[in-house]
Protein backbone atom coordinates (compact mmCIF):
# COMPACT_ATOMS: atom_id res chain seq x y z
CA UNK A 1 59.62 33.58 17.71
CA UNK A 2 60.21 35.86 20.47
CA UNK A 3 62.07 39.27 20.35
CA UNK A 4 63.72 41.39 22.69
CA UNK A 5 62.10 44.96 22.85
CA UNK A 6 65.34 46.42 20.82
CA UNK A 7 64.97 43.63 18.19
CA UNK A 8 61.29 44.21 17.85
CA UNK A 9 61.36 48.02 17.74
CA UNK A 10 64.27 48.03 15.33
CA UNK A 11 62.53 45.82 13.11
CA UNK A 12 59.47 48.02 13.12
CA UNK A 13 61.76 50.91 12.61
CA UNK A 14 62.66 49.33 9.20
CA UNK A 15 58.94 48.95 8.37
CA UNK A 16 58.24 52.58 9.22
CA UNK A 17 61.41 53.52 6.99
CA UNK A 18 60.17 51.50 3.97
CA UNK A 19 57.27 53.71 3.61
CA UNK A 20 59.64 56.33 1.92
CA UNK A 21 60.47 54.88 -1.33
CA UNK A 22 63.76 56.42 -1.31
CA UNK A 23 65.00 54.70 1.63
CA UNK A 24 63.81 51.10 0.21
CA UNK A 25 67.23 50.45 -1.57
CA UNK A 26 69.30 50.90 1.47
CA UNK A 27 67.15 48.45 3.48
CA UNK A 28 67.80 45.94 0.85
CA UNK A 29 71.39 46.74 0.62
CA UNK A 30 72.37 47.60 4.24
CA UNK A 31 71.12 44.28 5.68
CA UNK A 32 67.46 45.06 6.50
CA UNK A 33 65.86 41.95 4.91
CA UNK A 34 66.76 39.42 7.33
CA UNK A 35 65.12 41.32 10.25
CA UNK A 36 62.11 41.90 8.37
CA UNK A 37 62.08 38.19 7.24
CA UNK A 38 62.00 37.06 10.84
CA UNK A 39 59.49 39.60 11.99
CA UNK A 40 57.23 38.00 9.03
CA UNK A 41 57.68 34.54 10.55
CA UNK A 42 56.30 35.85 13.99
CA UNK A 43 53.45 34.10 15.69
CA UNK A 44 51.69 37.41 16.18
CA UNK A 45 49.75 38.09 13.15
CA UNK A 46 50.17 41.88 13.54
CA UNK A 47 53.75 41.63 13.32
CA UNK A 48 53.70 39.28 10.27
CA UNK A 49 51.35 41.49 8.40
CA UNK A 50 53.48 44.73 9.04
CA UNK A 51 56.61 42.65 7.74
CA UNK A 52 54.96 40.89 4.84
CA UNK A 53 53.48 44.23 3.56
CA UNK A 54 56.82 45.66 4.03
CA UNK A 55 58.54 43.09 2.07
CA UNK A 56 55.86 43.19 -0.49
CA UNK A 57 56.59 47.07 -0.99
CA UNK A 58 60.39 46.05 -1.45
CA UNK A 59 59.22 43.75 -4.11
CA UNK A 60 57.91 46.44 -6.38
CA UNK A 61 61.59 47.31 -7.35
CA UNK A 62 62.88 45.08 -9.84
CA UNK A 63 66.39 45.51 -8.61
CA UNK A 64 65.44 44.14 -5.01
CA UNK A 65 63.54 40.97 -6.22
CA UNK A 66 66.57 38.71 -6.23
CA UNK A 67 67.99 39.84 -3.32
CA UNK A 68 64.63 39.29 -1.43
CA UNK A 69 64.47 35.62 -2.35
CA UNK A 70 68.25 34.98 -1.65
CA UNK A 71 67.63 36.45 1.94
CA UNK A 72 65.01 33.66 2.42
CA UNK A 73 61.86 35.59 2.10
CA UNK A 74 59.93 32.59 0.21
CA UNK A 75 59.54 30.76 3.69
CA UNK A 76 58.03 33.99 5.25
CA UNK A 77 55.65 34.40 2.37
CA UNK A 78 54.76 30.73 2.45
CA UNK A 79 53.89 31.21 6.15
CA UNK A 80 51.87 34.40 5.52
CA UNK A 81 50.08 32.71 2.66
CA UNK A 82 48.66 30.27 5.03
CA UNK A 83 47.48 32.83 7.62
CA UNK A 84 43.88 32.53 8.42
CA UNK A 85 43.50 35.25 11.23
CA UNK A 86 43.82 38.16 8.96
CA UNK A 87 42.85 38.36 5.13
CA UNK A 88 45.42 41.11 4.29
CA UNK A 89 48.48 38.83 5.25
CA UNK A 90 47.80 36.35 2.40
CA UNK A 91 46.81 39.08 0.18
CA UNK A 92 50.21 40.84 0.86
CA UNK A 93 51.95 37.30 0.37
CA UNK A 94 50.28 37.05 -3.01
CA UNK A 95 51.01 40.49 -4.31
CA UNK A 96 54.77 39.83 -3.13
CA UNK A 97 55.10 36.40 -4.76
CA UNK A 98 53.58 37.89 -8.17
CA UNK A 99 56.21 40.42 -8.27
CA UNK A 100 58.91 38.14 -7.12
CA UNK A 101 57.89 35.61 -10.00
CA UNK A 102 58.76 38.53 -12.57
CA UNK A 103 62.37 37.56 -12.19
CA UNK A 104 63.52 34.51 -14.20
CA UNK A 105 65.98 33.25 -11.32
CA UNK A 106 63.38 33.66 -8.73
CA UNK A 107 60.94 31.39 -10.76
CA UNK A 108 63.50 28.58 -10.47
CA UNK A 109 63.77 29.13 -6.64
CA UNK A 110 60.15 29.34 -6.16
CA UNK A 111 59.66 26.07 -8.01
CA UNK A 112 62.49 24.48 -5.84
CA UNK A 113 61.14 25.82 -2.67
CA UNK A 114 57.76 24.15 -3.29
CA UNK A 115 55.87 27.34 -2.84
CA UNK A 116 53.76 26.61 -5.92
CA UNK A 117 51.17 24.85 -3.55
CA UNK A 118 50.78 27.95 -1.40
CA UNK A 119 50.26 30.12 -4.96
CA UNK A 120 47.81 27.55 -6.15
CA UNK A 121 45.87 27.72 -2.88
CA UNK A 122 45.94 31.68 -2.90
CA UNK A 123 44.63 31.43 -6.25
CA UNK A 124 41.75 29.48 -5.26
CA UNK A 125 40.45 31.65 -2.39
CA UNK A 126 37.77 33.96 -3.51
CA UNK A 127 37.92 36.22 -0.63
CA UNK A 128 41.19 37.63 -1.54
């Protein structure tokens, strides 16, 4: 996926802002999830890693977990789980999926999305 420079920089700005825990709710409520999800689906492993780590951080908040799944993050986490170029990317995906699975509605969506294959594959990898 290719971004214009302004799209790219604004997505990274969201990643940077998410480092401040106080700003995380605004990222979720003000439309920051779709740009992060699109960055997490990038062909560039550095972009994927930054966005997946940011989404994982957002997953720590129970009140954000449902919104993250509804926004379409499961596809991004599936891609991240399969990344072989950087061990940190699937590790971040595994942590995010673990947090998301704490929400009952998310469990159903995760089963329907077919992400169980990725979760089981991550569970079998000993280097993570």
